């Protein structure tokens, strides 16, 4: 058995032999760490989605400036016709 695995097993054994208050604190800390990791992953996912949308909008603007057909831009970007019309300069 390798050292990290043995060390983790020993840490878990120590945890299980602690009193109820120590277990409660340990579990609260573990929950906090898990929640924090989930929030960070959610923010990453949201940031990526926002970046993809911004890229599609930029491509659509470029295609509009080239005078391309709206339906072609819809197919190329995946944006709706309404979203593309909203990008047109007034």
Protein backbone atom coordinates (compact mmCIF):
# COMPACT_ATOMS: atom_id res chain seq x y z
CA UNK A 1 0.00 0.00 0.00
CA UNK A 2 1.40 3.41 -0.88
CA UNK A 3 2.01 6.13 1.70
CA UNK A 4 -0.70 8.65 0.65
CA UNK A 5 -3.41 5.99 0.82
CA UNK A 6 -2.23 4.78 4.21
CA UNK A 7 -2.01 8.33 5.52
CA UNK A 8 -5.58 9.07 4.36
CA UNK A 9 -6.83 5.88 6.02
CA UNK A 10 -5.13 6.84 9.28
CA UNK A 11 -6.60 10.33 9.11
CA UNK A 12 -10.07 8.87 8.57
CA UNK A 13 -9.61 6.47 11.49
CA UNK A 14 -8.55 9.35 13.73
CA UNK A 15 -11.61 11.31 12.61
CA UNK A 16 -13.97 8.44 13.36
CA UNK A 17 -12.60 8.09 16.88
CA UNK A 18 -13.12 11.77 17.76
CA UNK A 19 -15.97 13.10 19.84
CA UNK A 20 -19.28 14.23 18.35
CA UNK A 21 -18.40 17.96 18.34
CA UNK A 22 -15.13 17.33 16.50
CA UNK A 23 -16.99 15.22 13.91
CA UNK A 24 -19.58 17.99 13.46
CA UNK A 25 -16.82 20.57 12.90
CA UNK A 26 -15.01 18.26 10.49
CA UNK A 27 -18.19 17.60 8.50
CA UNK A 28 -19.02 21.32 8.41
CA UNK A 29 -15.53 22.03 7.05
CA UNK A 30 -15.86 19.31 4.42
CA UNK A 31 -19.26 20.70 3.38
CA UNK A 32 -17.79 24.20 3.11
CA UNK A 33 -14.92 22.95 0.92
CA UNK A 34 -17.33 21.01 -1.30
CA UNK A 35 -19.66 24.01 -1.65
CA UNK A 36 -16.75 26.30 -2.49
CA UNK A 37 -15.49 23.90 -5.17
CA UNK A 38 -19.00 23.71 -6.64
CA UNK A 39 -19.29 27.51 -6.78
CA UNK A 40 -15.93 27.82 -8.51
CA UNK A 41 -16.87 25.19 -11.09
CA UNK A 42 -20.21 26.91 -11.67
CA UNK A 43 -18.47 30.23 -12.23
CA UNK A 44 -16.08 28.63 -14.71
CA UNK A 45 -18.93 27.08 -16.65
CA UNK A 46 -20.85 30.36 -16.67
CA UNK A 47 -17.75 32.23 -17.83
CA UNK A 48 -17.18 29.79 -20.68
CA UNK A 49 -20.80 30.06 -21.82
CA UNK A 50 -20.59 33.85 -21.73
CA UNK A 51 -17.40 33.76 -23.79
CA UNK A 52 -18.98 31.50 -26.39
CA UNK A 53 -22.00 33.81 -26.70
CA UNK A 54 -19.75 36.86 -27.02
CA UNK A 55 -17.83 35.09 -29.78
CA UNK A 56 -21.04 34.29 -31.66
CA UNK A 57 -22.16 37.90 -31.36
CA UNK A 58 -18.84 39.16 -32.70
CA UNK A 59 -19.01 36.78 -35.67
CA UNK A 60 -22.60 37.84 -36.37
CA UNK A 61 -21.61 41.53 -36.29
CA UNK A 62 -18.80 40.85 -38.74
CA UNK A 63 -21.12 38.92 -41.04
CA UNK A 64 -23.69 41.74 -40.89
CA UNK A 65 -21.01 44.27 -41.81
CA UNK A 66 -20.15 42.09 -44.81
CA UNK A 67 -23.78 42.31 -45.91
CA UNK A 68 -24.51 38.60 -45.60
CA UNK A 69 -28.07 37.25 -45.47
CA UNK A 70 -29.69 37.00 -42.03
CA UNK A 71 -30.61 33.33 -42.53
CA UNK A 72 -26.98 32.51 -43.34
CA UNK A 73 -25.88 34.27 -40.13
CA UNK A 74 -28.50 32.34 -38.14
CA UNK A 75 -27.15 29.05 -39.52
CA UNK A 76 -23.51 30.03 -39.01
CA UNK A 77 -23.82 31.36 -35.45
CA UNK A 78 -26.78 29.56 -33.93
CA UNK A 79 -28.19 32.90 -32.80
CA UNK A 80 -31.86 33.60 -33.37
CA UNK A 81 -33.07 35.92 -36.09
CA UNK A 82 -34.28 38.34 -33.41
CA UNK A 83 -30.86 38.40 -31.73
CA UNK A 84 -29.20 39.17 -35.05
CA UNK A 85 -31.66 41.95 -35.87
CA UNK A 86 -30.89 43.47 -32.47
CA UNK A 87 -27.21 43.66 -33.47
CA UNK A 88 -27.87 45.75 -36.56
CA UNK A 89 -26.71 49.34 -36.22
CA UNK A 90 -29.60 51.80 -35.96
